[in-house]
Amino acid sequence: GQKDSCQGDSGGPLIAERKQDKRYELIGVVSWGNGCARVGYPGV
């Protein structure tokens, strides 16, 4: 539970680097979770 997004981050981007050109693409939108960085509860 060491790292997570938290309140106020909703709607923001989760991005990943593309191998072919080192540019970034959007893979997720911050949605919900039980608390922030709690053990057993990853960000969704």
All heavy atoms as atom14 arrays in JSON, in Angstrom:
{
  "sequence": "GQKDSCQGDSGGPLIAERKQDKRYELIGVVSWGNGCARVGYPGV",
  "atom14_mask": [
    [1, 1, 1, 1, 0, 0, 0, 0, 0, 0, 0, 0, 0, 0],
    [1, 1, 1, 1, 1, 1, 1, 1, 1, 0, 0, 0, 0, 0],
    [1, 1, 1, 1, 1, 1, 1, 1, 1, 0, 0, 0, 0, 0],
    [1, 1, 1, 1, 1, 1, 1, 1, 0, 0, 0, 0, 0, 0],
    [1, 1, 1, 1, 1, 1, 0, 0, 0, 0, 0, 0, 0, 0],
    [1, 1, 1, 1, 1, 1, 0, 0, 0, 0, 0, 0, 0, 0],
    [1, 1, 1, 1, 1, 1, 1, 1, 1, 0, 0, 0, 0, 0],
    [1, 1, 1, 1, 0, 0, 0, 0, 0, 0, 0, 0, 0, 0],
    [1, 1, 1, 1, 1, 1, 1, 1, 0, 0, 0, 0, 0, 0],
    [1, 1, 1, 1, 1, 1, 0, 0, 0, 0, 0, 0, 0, 0],
    [1, 1, 1, 1, 0, 0, 0, 0, 0, 0, 0, 0, 0, 0],
    [1, 1, 1, 1, 0, 0, 0, 0, 0, 0, 0, 0, 0, 0],
    [1, 1, 1, 1, 1, 1, 1, 0, 0, 0, 0, 0, 0, 0],
    [1, 1, 1, 1, 1, 1, 1, 1, 0, 0, 0, 0, 0, 0],
    [1, 1, 1, 1, 1, 1, 1, 1, 0, 0, 0, 0, 0, 0],
    [1, 1, 1, 1, 1, 0, 0, 0, 0, 0, 0, 0, 0, 0],
    [1, 1, 1, 1, 1, 1, 1, 1, 1, 0, 0, 0, 0, 0],
    [1, 1, 1, 1, 1, 1, 1, 1, 1, 1, 1, 0, 0, 0],
    [1, 1, 1, 1, 1, 1, 1, 1, 1, 0, 0, 0, 0, 0],
    [1, 1, 1, 1, 1, 1, 1, 1, 1, 0, 0, 0, 0, 0],
    [1, 1, 1, 1, 1, 1, 1, 1, 0, 0, 0, 0, 0, 0],
    [1, 1, 1, 1, 1, 1, 1, 1, 1, 0, 0, 0, 0, 0],
    [1, 1, 1, 1, 1, 1, 1, 1, 1, 1, 1, 0, 0, 0],
    [1, 1, 1, 1, 1, 1, 1, 1, 1, 1, 1, 1, 0, 0],
    [1, 1, 1, 1, 1, 1, 1, 1, 1, 0, 0, 0, 0, 0],
    [1, 1, 1, 1, 1, 1, 1, 1, 0, 0, 0, 0, 0, 0],
    [1, 1, 1, 1, 1, 1, 1, 1, 0, 0, 0, 0, 0, 0],
    [1, 1, 1, 1, 0, 0, 0, 0, 0, 0, 0, 0, 0, 0],
    [1, 1, 1, 1, 1, 1, 1, 0, 0, 0, 0, 0, 0, 0],
    [1, 1, 1, 1, 1, 1, 1, 0, 0, 0, 0, 0, 0, 0],
    [1, 1, 1, 1, 1, 1, 0, 0, 0, 0, 0, 0, 0, 0],
    [1, 1, 1, 1, 1, 1, 1, 1, 1, 1, 1, 1, 1, 1],
    [1, 1, 1, 1, 0, 0, 0, 0, 0, 0, 0, 0, 0, 0],
    [1, 1, 1, 1, 1, 1, 1, 1, 0, 0, 0, 0, 0, 0],
    [1, 1, 1, 1, 0, 0, 0, 0, 0, 0, 0, 0, 0, 0],
    [1, 1, 1, 1, 1, 1, 0, 0, 0, 0, 0, 0, 0, 0],
    [1, 1, 1, 1, 1, 0, 0, 0, 0, 0, 0, 0, 0, 0],
    [1, 1, 1, 1, 1, 1, 1, 1, 1, 1, 1, 0, 0, 0],
    [1, 1, 1, 1, 1, 1, 1, 0, 0, 0, 0, 0, 0, 0],
    [1, 1, 1, 1, 0, 0, 0, 0, 0, 0, 0, 0, 0, 0],
    [1, 1, 1, 1, 1, 1, 1, 1, 1, 1, 1, 1, 0, 0],
    [1, 1, 1, 1, 1, 1, 1, 0, 0, 0, 0, 0, 0, 0],
    [1, 1, 1, 1, 0, 0, 0, 0, 0, 0, 0, 0, 0, 0],
    [1, 1, 1, 1, 1, 1, 1, 0, 0, 0, 0, 0, 0, 0]
  ],
  "atom14_positions": [
    [[0.79, -1.22, 0.0], [0.0, 0.0, 0.0], [0.82, 1.27, 0.0], [0.38, 2.3, 0.5], [0.0, 0.0, 0.0], [0.0, 0.0, 0.0], [0.0, 0.0, 0.0], [0.0, 0.0, 0.0], [0.0, 0.0, 0.0], [0.0, 0.0, 0.0], [0.0, 0.0, 0.0], [0.0, 0.0, 0.0], [0.0, 0.0, 0.0], [0.0, 0.0, 0.0]],
    [[2.0, 1.23, -0.59], [2.9, 2.37, -0.44], [2.62, 3.53, -1.38], [2.96, 4.68, -1.07], [4.34, 1.9, -0.66], [4.57, 1.2, -2.01], [5.95, 0.62, -2.13], [6.92, 1.32, -1.9], [6.06, -0.64, -2.5], [0.0, 0.0, 0.0], [0.0, 0.0, 0.0], [0.0, 0.0, 0.0], [0.0, 0.0, 0.0], [0.0, 0.0, 0.0]],
    [[2.01, 3.27, -2.53], [1.8, 4.35, -3.5], [0.41, 4.23, -4.11], [-0.08, 3.15, -4.37], [2.85, 4.27, -4.62], [4.28, 4.39, -4.14], [5.26, 4.18, -5.29], [6.7, 4.21, -4.8], [7.66, 3.97, -5.9], [0.0, 0.0, 0.0], [0.0, 0.0, 0.0], [0.0, 0.0, 0.0], [0.0, 0.0, 0.0], [0.0, 0.0, 0.0]],
    [[-0.2, 5.39, -4.37], [-1.55, 5.38, -4.91], [-1.92, 6.8, -5.32], [-1.25, 7.76, -4.94], [-2.53, 4.89, -3.82], [-3.87, 4.45, -4.39], [-4.03, 4.46, -5.62], [-4.74, 4.1, -3.58], [0.0, 0.0, 0.0], [0.0, 0.0, 0.0], [0.0, 0.0, 0.0], [0.0, 0.0, 0.0], [0.0, 0.0, 0.0], [0.0, 0.0, 0.0]],
    [[-3.0, 6.89, -6.1], [-3.6, 8.2, -6.31], [-4.58, 8.41, -5.16], [-4.86, 7.5, -4.4], [-4.31, 8.25, -7.68], [-4.99, 7.06, -7.93], [0.0, 0.0, 0.0], [0.0, 0.0, 0.0], [0.0, 0.0, 0.0], [0.0, 0.0, 0.0], [0.0, 0.0, 0.0], [0.0, 0.0, 0.0], [0.0, 0.0, 0.0], [0.0, 0.0, 0.0]],
    [[-5.09, 9.64, -5.02], [-5.89, 9.92, -3.83], [-7.01, 10.91, -4.16], [-7.25, 11.22, -5.32], [-4.99, 10.45, -2.71], [-5.61, 10.14, -1.04], [0.0, 0.0, 0.0], [0.0, 0.0, 0.0], [0.0, 0.0, 0.0], [0.0, 0.0, 0.0], [0.0, 0.0, 0.0], [0.0, 0.0, 0.0], [0.0, 0.0, 0.0], [0.0, 0.0, 0.0]],
    [[-7.69, 11.43, -3.12], [-8.8, 12.33, -3.35], [-8.36, 13.55, -4.15], [-7.36, 14.16, -3.87], [-9.42, 12.8, -2.02], [-10.0, 11.69, -1.19], [-9.11, 11.37, -0.03], [-7.96, 11.0, -0.22], [-9.63, 11.49, 1.16], [0.0, 0.0, 0.0], [0.0, 0.0, 0.0], [0.0, 0.0, 0.0], [0.0, 0.0, 0.0], [0.0, 0.0, 0.0]],
    [[-9.16, 13.92, -5.13], [-8.85, 15.06, -5.98], [-8.21, 14.67, -7.29], [-8.1, 15.49, -8.2], [0.0, 0.0, 0.0], [0.0, 0.0, 0.0], [0.0, 0.0, 0.0], [0.0, 0.0, 0.0], [0.0, 0.0, 0.0], [0.0, 0.0, 0.0], [0.0, 0.0, 0.0], [0.0, 0.0, 0.0], [0.0, 0.0, 0.0], [0.0, 0.0, 0.0]],
    [[-7.76, 13.42, -7.41], [-7.12, 12.96, -8.64], [-8.11, 12.35, -9.63], [-7.73, 12.01, -10.75], [-6.03, 11.93, -8.33], [-4.84, 12.56, -7.65], [-4.53, 13.72, -7.95], [-4.21, 11.89, -6.82], [0.0, 0.0, 0.0], [0.0, 0.0, 0.0], [0.0, 0.0, 0.0], [0.0, 0.0, 0.0], [0.0, 0.0, 0.0], [0.0, 0.0, 0.0]],
    [[-9.35, 12.19, -9.22], [-10.35, 11.57, -10.08], [-10.4, 12.24, -11.45], [-10.29, 13.46, -11.57], [-11.74, 11.68, -9.44], [-11.96, 10.62, -8.57], [0.0, 0.0, 0.0], [0.0, 0.0, 0.0], [0.0, 0.0, 0.0], [0.0, 0.0, 0.0], [0.0, 0.0, 0.0], [0.0, 0.0, 0.0], [0.0, 0.0, 0.0], [0.0, 0.0, 0.0]],
    [[-10.57, 11.41, -12.48], [-10.65, 11.93, -13.83], [-9.32, 12.15, -14.49], [-9.24, 12.39, -15.7], [0.0, 0.0, 0.0], [0.0, 0.0, 0.0], [0.0, 0.0, 0.0], [0.0, 0.0, 0.0], [0.0, 0.0, 0.0], [0.0, 0.0, 0.0], [0.0, 0.0, 0.0], [0.0, 0.0, 0.0], [0.0, 0.0, 0.0], [0.0, 0.0, 0.0]],
    [[-8.24, 12.06, -13.71], [-6.9, 12.28, -14.24], [-6.37, 11.06, -14.98], [-6.98, 9.99, -14.98], [0.0, 0.0, 0.0], [0.0, 0.0, 0.0], [0.0, 0.0, 0.0], [0.0, 0.0, 0.0], [0.0, 0.0, 0.0], [0.0, 0.0, 0.0], [0.0, 0.0, 0.0], [0.0, 0.0, 0.0], [0.0, 0.0, 0.0], [0.0, 0.0, 0.0]],
    [[-5.19, 11.2, -15.6], [-4.67, 10.13, -16.45], [-3.8, 9.11, -15.74], [-3.1, 9.42, -14.78], [-3.82, 10.91, -17.46], [-3.31, 12.08, -16.66], [-4.41, 12.43, -15.69], [0.0, 0.0, 0.0], [0.0, 0.0, 0.0], [0.0, 0.0, 0.0], [0.0, 0.0, 0.0], [0.0, 0.0, 0.0], [0.0, 0.0, 0.0], [0.0, 0.0, 0.0]],
    [[-3.87, 7.89, -16.24], [-2.9, 6.84, -15.95], [-2.26, 6.53, -17.29], [-2.95, 6.09, -18.22], [-3.55, 5.6, -15.36], [-2.58, 4.47, -15.0], [-1.75, 4.84, -13.77], [-3.33, 3.15, -14.75], [0.0, 0.0, 0.0], [0.0, 0.0, 0.0], [0.0, 0.0, 0.0], [0.0, 0.0, 0.0], [0.0, 0.0, 0.0], [0.0, 0.0, 0.0]],
    [[-0.97, 6.78, -17.42], [-0.31, 6.68, -18.73], [0.8, 5.64, -18.7], [1.32, 5.29, -17.64], [0.28, 8.05, -19.16], [1.34, 8.52, -18.16], [-0.84, 9.09, -19.29], [2.11, 9.77, -18.6], [0.0, 0.0, 0.0], [0.0, 0.0, 0.0], [0.0, 0.0, 0.0], [0.0, 0.0, 0.0], [0.0, 0.0, 0.0], [0.0, 0.0, 0.0]],
    [[1.17, 5.17, -19.89], [2.26, 4.21, -20.02], [3.09, 4.58, -21.25], [2.55, 5.07, -22.25], [1.72, 2.79, -20.15], [0.0, 0.0, 0.0], [0.0, 0.0, 0.0], [0.0, 0.0, 0.0], [0.0, 0.0, 0.0], [0.0, 0.0, 0.0], [0.0, 0.0, 0.0], [0.0, 0.0, 0.0], [0.0, 0.0, 0.0], [0.0, 0.0, 0.0]],
    [[4.38, 4.32, -21.16], [5.27, 4.64, -22.26], [5.19, 3.56, -23.35], [5.2, 2.37, -23.05], [6.71, 4.75, -21.75], [7.7, 5.23, -22.8], [9.11, 5.35, -22.24], [9.64, 4.34, -21.73], [9.68, 6.46, -22.28], [0.0, 0.0, 0.0], [0.0, 0.0, 0.0], [0.0, 0.0, 0.0], [0.0, 0.0, 0.0], [0.0, 0.0, 0.0]],
    [[5.1, 4.01, -24.59], [5.1, 3.07, -25.71], [6.53, 2.7, -26.07], [7.41, 3.56, -26.11], [4.41, 3.7, -26.93], [2.99, 4.11, -26.66], [2.2, 4.41, -27.91], [2.8, 5.41, -28.78], [2.1, 6.17, -29.61], [0.78, 6.06, -29.67], [2.7, 7.06, -30.39], [0.0, 0.0, 0.0], [0.0, 0.0, 0.0], [0.0, 0.0, 0.0]],
    [[6.76, 1.43, -26.32], [8.12, 0.96, -26.61], [8.63, 1.47, -27.95], [9.81, 1.76, -28.1], [8.16, -0.57, -26.58], [7.9, -1.16, -25.2], [7.94, -2.68, -25.24], [7.68, -3.27, -23.86], [7.69, -4.75, -23.87], [0.0, 0.0, 0.0], [0.0, 0.0, 0.0], [0.0, 0.0, 0.0], [0.0, 0.0, 0.0], [0.0, 0.0, 0.0]],
    [[7.73, 1.57, -28.95], [8.19, 1.85, -30.3], [8.71, 3.28, -30.49], [9.62, 3.51, -31.28], [7.08, 1.57, -31.32], [5.85, 2.46, -31.21], [4.78, 1.89, -30.33], [5.08, 1.19, -29.37], [3.52, 2.18, -30.64], [0.0, 0.0, 0.0], [0.0, 0.0, 0.0], [0.0, 0.0, 0.0], [0.0, 0.0, 0.0], [0.0, 0.0, 0.0]],
    [[8.15, 4.24, -29.77], [8.57, 5.63, -30.0], [8.8, 6.43, -28.73], [9.05, 7.64, -28.78], [7.54, 6.36, -30.88], [6.14, 6.33, -30.28], [6.0, 5.94, -29.11], [5.19, 6.69, -31.0], [0.0, 0.0, 0.0], [0.0, 0.0, 0.0], [0.0, 0.0, 0.0], [0.0, 0.0, 0.0], [0.0, 0.0, 0.0], [0.0, 0.0, 0.0]],
    [[8.69, 5.77, -27.56], [8.94, 6.41, -26.26], [7.94, 7.52, -25.94], [8.17, 8.33, -25.04], [10.37, 6.96, -26.17], [11.45, 5.93, -26.38], [11.36, 4.8, -25.36], [12.46, 3.76, -25.55], [12.35, 2.66, -24.58], [0.0, 0.0, 0.0], [0.0, 0.0, 0.0], [0.0, 0.0, 0.0], [0.0, 0.0, 0.0], [0.0, 0.0, 0.0]],
    [[6.86, 7.59, -26.7], [5.8, 8.52, -26.35], [4.81, 7.82, -25.43], [4.87, 6.62, -25.24], [5.11, 9.05, -27.62], [5.97, 10.06, -28.37], [5.16, 10.77, -29.44], [5.09, 10.0, -30.67], [4.18, 10.21, -31.62], [3.25, 11.13, -31.45], [4.19, 9.48, -32.72], [0.0, 0.0, 0.0], [0.0, 0.0, 0.0], [0.0, 0.0, 0.0]],
    [[3.89, 8.59, -24.87], [2.99, 8.04, -23.85], [1.57, 7.93, -24.35], [1.1, 8.77, -25.13], [3.04, 8.9, -22.59], [4.31, 8.71, -21.8], [5.49, 9.34, -22.19], [4.35, 7.86, -20.7], [6.67, 9.14, -21.49], [5.53, 7.65, -20.0], [6.68, 8.3, -20.4], [7.85, 8.08, -19.71], [0.0, 0.0, 0.0], [0.0, 0.0, 0.0]],
    [[0.89, 6.88, -23.9], [-0.51, 6.7, -24.25], [-1.34, 6.55, -22.99], [-0.85, 6.14, -21.93], [-0.7, 5.49, -25.16], [-0.3, 4.16, -24.58], [-0.42, 3.02, -25.61], [-0.51, 3.31, -26.81], [-0.41, 1.85, -25.18], [0.0, 0.0, 0.0], [0.0, 0.0, 0.0], [0.0, 0.0, 0.0], [0.0, 0.0, 0.0], [0.0, 0.0, 0.0]],
    [[-2.6, 6.9, -23.11], [-3.52, 6.87, -21.98], [-4.1, 5.48, -21.82], [-4.75, 4.96, -22.73], [-4.65, 7.89, -22.23], [-5.71, 8.0, -21.14], [-5.11, 8.63, -19.89], [-6.89, 8.83, -21.65], [0.0, 0.0, 0.0], [0.0, 0.0, 0.0], [0.0, 0.0, 0.0], [0.0, 0.0, 0.0], [0.0, 0.0, 0.0], [0.0, 0.0, 0.0]],
    [[-3.86, 4.86, -20.68], [-4.39, 3.51, -20.47], [-5.49, 3.47, -19.43], [-6.27, 2.51, -19.37], [-3.27, 2.52, -20.08], [-2.71, 2.82, -18.68], [-2.14, 2.57, -21.1], [-1.75, 1.76, -18.17], [0.0, 0.0, 0.0], [0.0, 0.0, 0.0], [0.0, 0.0, 0.0], [0.0, 0.0, 0.0], [0.0, 0.0, 0.0], [0.0, 0.0, 0.0]],
    [[-5.6, 4.5, -18.59], [-6.62, 4.5, -17.55], [-7.04, 5.89, -17.15], [-6.32, 6.86, -17.36], [0.0, 0.0, 0.0], [0.0, 0.0, 0.0], [0.0, 0.0, 0.0], [0.0, 0.0, 0.0], [0.0, 0.0, 0.0], [0.0, 0.0, 0.0], [0.0, 0.0, 0.0], [0.0, 0.0, 0.0], [0.0, 0.0, 0.0], [0.0, 0.0, 0.0]],
    [[-8.23, 5.98, -16.55], [-8.74, 7.23, -15.98], [-8.96, 6.98, -14.49], [-9.61, 5.99, -14.1], [-10.08, 7.64, -16.64], [-10.61, 8.93, -16.0], [-9.9, 7.83, -18.14], [0.0, 0.0, 0.0], [0.0, 0.0, 0.0], [0.0, 0.0, 0.0], [0.0, 0.0, 0.0], [0.0, 0.0, 0.0], [0.0, 0.0, 0.0], [0.0, 0.0, 0.0]],
    [[-8.4, 7.83, -13.65], [-8.53, 7.65, -12.2], [-10.01, 7.6, -11.83], [-10.77, 8.53, -12.12], [-7.84, 8.8, -11.44], [-8.01, 8.59, -9.92], [-6.37, 8.87, -11.8], [0.0, 0.0, 0.0], [0.0, 0.0, 0.0], [0.0, 0.0, 0.0], [0.0, 0.0, 0.0], [0.0, 0.0, 0.0], [0.0, 0.0, 0.0], [0.0, 0.0, 0.0]],
    [[-10.42, 6.5, -11.19], [-11.85, 6.29, -10.95], [-12.19, 6.17, -9.46], [-12.81, 7.06, -8.91], [-12.32, 5.04, -11.69], [-13.7, 4.81, -11.51], [0.0, 0.0, 0.0], [0.0, 0.0, 0.0], [0.0, 0.0, 0.0], [0.0, 0.0, 0.0], [0.0, 0.0, 0.0], [0.0, 0.0, 0.0], [0.0, 0.0, 0.0], [0.0, 0.0, 0.0]],
    [[-11.77, 5.09, -8.81], [-12.18, 4.93, -7.42], [-11.19, 4.03, -6.67], [-10.23, 3.52, -7.24], [-13.58, 4.34, -7.32], [-13.75, 2.95, -7.87], [-13.96, 2.61, -9.17], [-13.7, 1.72, -7.14], [-14.04, 1.23, -9.3], [-13.91, 0.67, -8.07], [-13.53, 1.39, -5.79], [-13.93, -0.68, -7.7], [-13.55, 0.05, -5.42], [-13.77, -0.96, -6.37]],
    [[-11.45, 3.85, -5.4], [-10.63, 2.99, -4.57], [-11.06, 3.11, -3.13], [-11.73, 4.08, -2.75], [0.0, 0.0, 0.0], [0.0, 0.0, 0.0], [0.0, 0.0, 0.0], [0.0, 0.0, 0.0], [0.0, 0.0, 0.0], [0.0, 0.0, 0.0], [0.0, 0.0, 0.0], [0.0, 0.0, 0.0], [0.0, 0.0, 0.0], [0.0, 0.0, 0.0]],
    [[-10.72, 2.16, -2.32], [-11.04, 2.2, -0.89], [-9.89, 2.89, -0.18], [-8.86, 2.3, 0.09], [-11.25, 0.79, -0.35], [-11.9, 0.8, 1.02], [-11.94, 1.85, 1.67], [-12.41, -0.33, 1.46], [0.0, 0.0, 0.0], [0.0, 0.0, 0.0], [0.0, 0.0, 0.0], [0.0, 0.0, 0.0], [0.0, 0.0, 0.0], [0.0, 0.0, 0.0]],
    [[-10.1, 4.18, 0.1], [-9.05, 4.95, 0.73], [-7.92, 5.25, -0.23], [-8.07, 5.19, -1.44], [0.0, 0.0, 0.0], [0.0, 0.0, 0.0], [0.0, 0.0, 0.0], [0.0, 0.0, 0.0], [0.0, 0.0, 0.0], [0.0, 0.0, 0.0], [0.0, 0.0, 0.0], [0.0, 0.0, 0.0], [0.0, 0.0, 0.0], [0.0, 0.0, 0.0]],
    [[-6.76, 5.56, 0.3], [-5.58, 5.88, -0.5], [-4.4, 5.05, -0.01], [-4.03, 5.13, 1.17], [-5.23, 7.36, -0.4], [-6.56, 8.47, -0.88], [0.0, 0.0, 0.0], [0.0, 0.0, 0.0], [0.0, 0.0, 0.0], [0.0, 0.0, 0.0], [0.0, 0.0, 0.0], [0.0, 0.0, 0.0], [0.0, 0.0, 0.0], [0.0, 0.0, 0.0]],
    [[-3.81, 4.26, -0.89], [-2.63, 3.46, -0.57], [-2.85, 2.53, 0.61], [-1.92, 2.23, 1.36], [-1.42, 4.37, -0.33], [0.0, 0.0, 0.0], [0.0, 0.0, 0.0], [0.0, 0.0, 0.0], [0.0, 0.0, 0.0], [0.0, 0.0, 0.0], [0.0, 0.0, 0.0], [0.0, 0.0, 0.0], [0.0, 0.0, 0.0], [0.0, 0.0, 0.0]],
    [[-4.06, 2.06, 0.79], [-4.32, 1.09, 1.87], [-3.88, -0.3, 1.43], [-3.99, -0.66, 0.26], [-5.81, 1.04, 2.19], [-6.37, 2.29, 2.85], [-7.82, 2.07, 3.24], [-8.42, 3.27, 3.8], [-9.69, 3.34, 4.21], [-10.48, 2.27, 4.13], [-10.18, 4.46, 4.7], [0.0, 0.0, 0.0], [0.0, 0.0, 0.0], [0.0, 0.0, 0.0]],
    [[-3.36, -1.06, 2.38], [-2.96, -2.43, 2.09], [-4.18, -3.23, 1.64], [-5.23, -3.19, 2.28], [-2.31, -3.08, 3.33], [-2.04, -4.56, 3.08], [-1.03, -2.35, 3.71], [0.0, 0.0, 0.0], [0.0, 0.0, 0.0], [0.0, 0.0, 0.0], [0.0, 0.0, 0.0], [0.0, 0.0, 0.0], [0.0, 0.0, 0.0], [0.0, 0.0, 0.0]],
    [[-4.05, -3.93, 0.54], [-5.14, -4.75, 0.04], [-6.09, -4.04, -0.89], [-7.01, -4.66, -1.44], [0.0, 0.0, 0.0], [0.0, 0.0, 0.0], [0.0, 0.0, 0.0], [0.0, 0.0, 0.0], [0.0, 0.0, 0.0], [0.0, 0.0, 0.0], [0.0, 0.0, 0.0], [0.0, 0.0, 0.0], [0.0, 0.0, 0.0], [0.0, 0.0, 0.0]],
    [[-5.88, -2.74, -1.09], [-6.8, -1.97, -1.93], [-6.03, -1.13, -2.96], [-5.73, 0.05, -2.72], [-7.67, -1.05, -1.07], [-8.62, -1.77, -0.16], [-8.36, -1.86, 1.21], [-9.79, -2.36, -0.65], [-9.25, -2.51, 2.07], [-10.67, -3.02, 0.19], [-10.39, -3.09, 1.54], [-11.26, -3.74, 2.39], [0.0, 0.0, 0.0], [0.0, 0.0, 0.0]],
    [[-5.71, -1.7, -4.11], [-5.04, -0.91, -5.16], [-6.0, 0.11, -5.76], [-7.22, 0.04, -5.55], [-4.66, -1.98, -6.19], [-5.69, -3.05, -6.01], [-5.98, -3.08, -4.53], [0.0, 0.0, 0.0], [0.0, 0.0, 0.0], [0.0, 0.0, 0.0], [0.0, 0.0, 0.0], [0.0, 0.0, 0.0], [0.0, 0.0, 0.0], [0.0, 0.0, 0.0]],
    [[-5.45, 1.06, -6.5], [-6.28, 2.03, -7.18], [-7.0, 1.39, -8.35], [-6.48, 0.49, -9.01], [0.0, 0.0, 0.0], [0.0, 0.0, 0.0], [0.0, 0.0, 0.0], [0.0, 0.0, 0.0], [0.0, 0.0, 0.0], [0.0, 0.0, 0.0], [0.0, 0.0, 0.0], [0.0, 0.0, 0.0], [0.0, 0.0, 0.0], [0.0, 0.0, 0.0]],
    [[-8.22, 1.86, -8.61], [-9.01, 1.32, -9.72], [-9.23, 2.42, -10.75], [-9.64, 3.54, -10.4], [-10.37, 0.77, -9.23], [-11.1, 0.08, -10.37], [-10.15, -0.22, -8.07], [0.0, 0.0, 0.0], [0.0, 0.0, 0.0], [0.0, 0.0, 0.0], [0.0, 0.0, 0.0], [0.0, 0.0, 0.0], [0.0, 0.0, 0.0], [0.0, 0.0, 0.0]]
  ]
}
